[in-house]
Amino acid sequence: MSFRQRLTRWLPERVKPLVSGAQFGQFLSVGAIGAIADTIVLAAATLLVGVSELWGKAAGIEVAVVLMFLLNERWTFTSYGSGGWRPLLARLGKSHLVRSGGVAVQLAAFWLLTSPYAMQVSIRGVDVWFLLASLASIGIATVINYVFEGLFTWDIGDSGSTANETSGSTD
Protein backbone atom coordinates (compact mmCIF):
# COMPACT_ATOMS: atom_id res chain seq x y z
CA MET A 1 0.00 0.00 0.00
CA SER A 2 1.43 3.35 -1.05
CA PHE A 3 1.83 6.34 1.25
CA ARG A 4 -0.95 8.15 -0.62
CA GLN A 5 -3.32 5.21 -0.16
CA ARG A 6 -2.48 5.00 3.55
CA LEU A 7 -3.07 8.74 3.92
CA THR A 8 -6.33 8.89 1.98
CA ARG A 9 -7.96 5.94 3.73
CA TRP A 10 -8.25 8.11 6.86
CA LEU A 11 -9.60 11.17 5.07
CA PRO A 12 -13.27 11.96 4.56
CA GLU A 13 -14.44 11.28 0.99
CA ARG A 14 -14.93 15.00 0.30
CA VAL A 15 -11.27 15.77 1.07
CA LYS A 16 -9.68 12.88 -0.88
CA PRO A 17 -9.63 14.67 -4.28
CA LEU A 18 -7.35 17.31 -2.72
CA VAL A 19 -4.60 14.70 -2.28
CA SER A 20 -3.29 15.29 -5.77
CA GLY A 21 0.40 15.96 -6.07
CA ALA A 22 0.02 17.67 -9.44
CA GLN A 23 -2.83 19.89 -8.28
CA PHE A 24 -1.08 20.82 -5.03
CA GLY A 25 2.06 21.56 -7.06
CA GLN A 26 0.06 23.90 -9.28
CA PHE A 27 -1.43 25.56 -6.19
CA LEU A 28 2.07 26.04 -4.74
CA SER A 29 3.32 27.48 -8.04
CA VAL A 30 0.44 29.95 -8.10
CA GLY A 31 1.13 30.66 -4.43
CA ALA A 32 4.76 31.43 -5.23
CA ILE A 33 3.63 34.01 -7.79
CA GLY A 34 1.23 35.41 -5.20
CA ALA A 35 4.01 35.52 -2.61
CA ILE A 36 6.19 37.48 -5.02
CA ALA A 37 3.36 39.95 -5.70
CA ASP A 38 2.62 40.23 -1.97
CA THR A 39 6.28 40.86 -1.17
CA ILE A 40 6.72 43.45 -3.92
CA VAL A 41 3.64 45.40 -2.75
CA LEU A 42 4.74 45.10 0.91
CA ALA A 43 8.27 46.30 0.13
CA ALA A 44 7.09 49.15 -2.10
CA ALA A 45 4.39 50.31 0.32
CA THR A 46 6.71 50.17 3.32
CA LEU A 47 10.06 51.23 1.91
CA LEU A 48 8.97 53.64 -0.84
CA VAL A 49 5.60 55.02 0.28
CA GLY A 50 6.22 54.86 4.02
CA VAL A 51 3.08 53.09 5.21
CA SER A 52 3.29 50.85 8.27
CA GLU A 53 4.43 47.27 7.78
CA LEU A 54 1.03 45.85 8.78
CA TRP A 55 -0.87 48.06 6.29
CA GLY A 56 1.68 47.27 3.61
CA LYS A 57 1.18 43.57 4.34
CA ALA A 58 -2.60 43.93 4.09
CA ALA A 59 -2.28 45.63 0.68
CA GLY A 60 0.12 42.94 -0.50
CA ILE A 61 -2.26 40.20 0.60
CA GLU A 62 -5.19 41.72 -1.32
CA VAL A 63 -3.19 42.02 -4.53
CA ALA A 64 -1.98 38.43 -4.10
CA VAL A 65 -5.48 37.06 -3.36
CA VAL A 66 -6.96 38.48 -6.56
CA LEU A 67 -3.98 37.44 -8.67
CA MET A 68 -3.95 33.91 -7.24
CA PHE A 69 -7.70 33.52 -7.71
CA LEU A 70 -7.37 34.36 -11.39
CA LEU A 71 -4.42 32.00 -11.87
CA ASN A 72 -6.06 29.16 -9.92
CA GLU A 73 -9.28 29.68 -11.88
CA ARG A 74 -7.43 29.30 -15.20
CA TRP A 75 -4.90 26.63 -14.25
CA THR A 76 -5.14 24.76 -10.93
CA PHE A 77 -8.90 24.28 -10.74
CA THR A 78 -9.78 24.91 -14.39
CA SER A 79 -11.88 21.74 -14.68
CA TYR A 80 -14.10 22.61 -11.70
CA GLY A 81 -17.04 24.97 -11.45
CA SER A 82 -19.59 26.31 -13.87
CA GLY A 83 -18.86 28.70 -16.72
CA GLY A 84 -20.18 32.22 -17.09
CA TRP A 85 -19.72 35.53 -15.33
CA ARG A 86 -22.08 34.95 -12.42
CA PRO A 87 -20.47 31.68 -11.29
CA LEU A 88 -17.04 33.26 -11.76
CA LEU A 89 -17.95 36.25 -9.59
CA ALA A 90 -19.55 33.92 -7.04
CA ARG A 91 -16.28 31.94 -6.85
CA LEU A 92 -14.31 35.20 -6.49
CA GLY A 93 -16.56 36.16 -3.58
CA LYS A 94 -16.21 32.70 -2.04
CA SER A 95 -12.45 32.87 -2.52
CA HIS A 96 -12.27 36.14 -0.59
CA LEU A 97 -14.46 34.73 2.16
CA VAL A 98 -12.51 31.48 2.36
CA ARG A 99 -9.13 33.19 2.23
CA SER A 100 -10.15 35.54 5.03
CA GLY A 101 -9.34 32.65 7.40
CA GLY A 102 -5.93 32.24 5.79
CA VAL A 103 -5.44 36.00 5.80
CA ALA A 104 -6.25 36.15 9.52
CA VAL A 105 -3.71 33.40 10.21
CA GLN A 106 -1.17 35.12 7.96
CA LEU A 107 -1.61 38.56 9.55
CA ALA A 108 -1.49 37.09 13.07
CA ALA A 109 1.73 35.20 12.27
CA PHE A 110 3.21 38.31 10.61
CA TRP A 111 2.30 40.47 13.60
CA LEU A 112 3.78 37.93 16.03
CA LEU A 113 7.00 37.78 14.04
CA THR A 114 7.34 41.55 13.61
CA SER A 115 5.89 43.03 16.79
CA PRO A 116 6.58 41.24 20.06
CA TYR A 117 9.47 39.19 18.69
CA ALA A 118 10.90 41.62 16.17
CA MET A 119 14.37 40.84 15.00
CA GLN A 120 16.68 42.79 12.79
CA VAL A 121 18.15 41.33 9.65
CA SER A 122 20.00 43.89 7.57
CA ILE A 123 21.06 43.72 3.97
CA ARG A 124 23.19 46.68 2.93
CA GLY A 125 21.94 48.65 5.90
CA VAL A 126 18.22 47.99 5.24
CA ASP A 127 16.27 45.93 7.77
CA VAL A 128 14.49 43.17 5.83
CA TRP A 129 13.20 41.12 8.77
CA PHE A 130 9.61 42.09 7.93
CA LEU A 131 10.05 40.58 4.44
CA LEU A 132 11.32 37.29 5.90
CA ALA A 133 8.44 37.32 8.40
CA SER A 134 6.07 37.86 5.50
CA LEU A 135 7.36 34.78 3.68
CA ALA A 136 7.07 32.69 6.86
CA SER A 137 3.49 33.83 7.42
CA ILE A 138 2.61 33.00 3.80
CA GLY A 139 3.94 29.48 4.30
CA ILE A 140 1.85 28.99 7.42
CA ALA A 141 -1.36 30.00 5.61
CA THR A 142 -0.75 27.97 2.42
CA VAL A 143 -2.17 24.62 3.54
CA ILE A 144 -5.22 26.25 5.10
CA ASN A 145 -5.92 28.12 1.87
CA TYR A 146 -5.42 25.04 -0.34
CA VAL A 147 -7.87 22.87 1.58
CA PHE A 148 -10.58 25.50 1.98
CA GLU A 149 -10.25 26.93 -1.54
CA GLY A 150 -10.55 23.45 -3.01
CA LEU A 151 -13.50 22.44 -0.87
CA PHE A 152 -15.53 25.64 -0.87
CA THR A 153 -14.48 27.91 -3.74
CA TRP A 154 -14.25 25.25 -6.44
CA ASP A 155 -16.39 22.57 -4.67
CA ILE A 156 -13.87 19.76 -5.20
CA GLY A 157 -15.21 16.55 -3.74
CA ASP A 158 -18.80 17.78 -3.73
CA SER A 159 -20.98 15.07 -5.20
CA GLY A 160 -22.97 17.74 -7.04
CA SER A 161 -19.91 19.27 -8.71
CA THR A 162 -17.74 17.37 -11.12
CA ALA A 163 -14.70 18.21 -13.14
CA ASN A 164 -15.34 19.84 -16.50
CA GLU A 165 -18.79 21.03 -15.45
CA THR A 166 -19.82 23.93 -17.62
CA SER A 167 -23.19 25.50 -17.99
CA GLY A 168 -22.54 27.08 -21.35
CA SER A 169 -23.98 30.23 -19.83
CA THR A 170 -22.41 33.60 -20.48
CA ASP A 171 -23.98 35.27 -17.44
Foldseek 3Di string as FASTA:
>chain_A
DDPLVVVLVPDDLLQNVLPDPVLLVQLVVLLVVLLVQLLVQLCCCCVPVNDDSLVSNVVSNVVSLVSSLVSCCVPNQVQFWADADVLSVVLSVQSVVQCVVLVVQLSVQLCVDPPPVNDFDDDPRDGCSSSVSNVVSSVVSSVSSSRSSCCTSRNRSPPVIDTNHYDPDHD
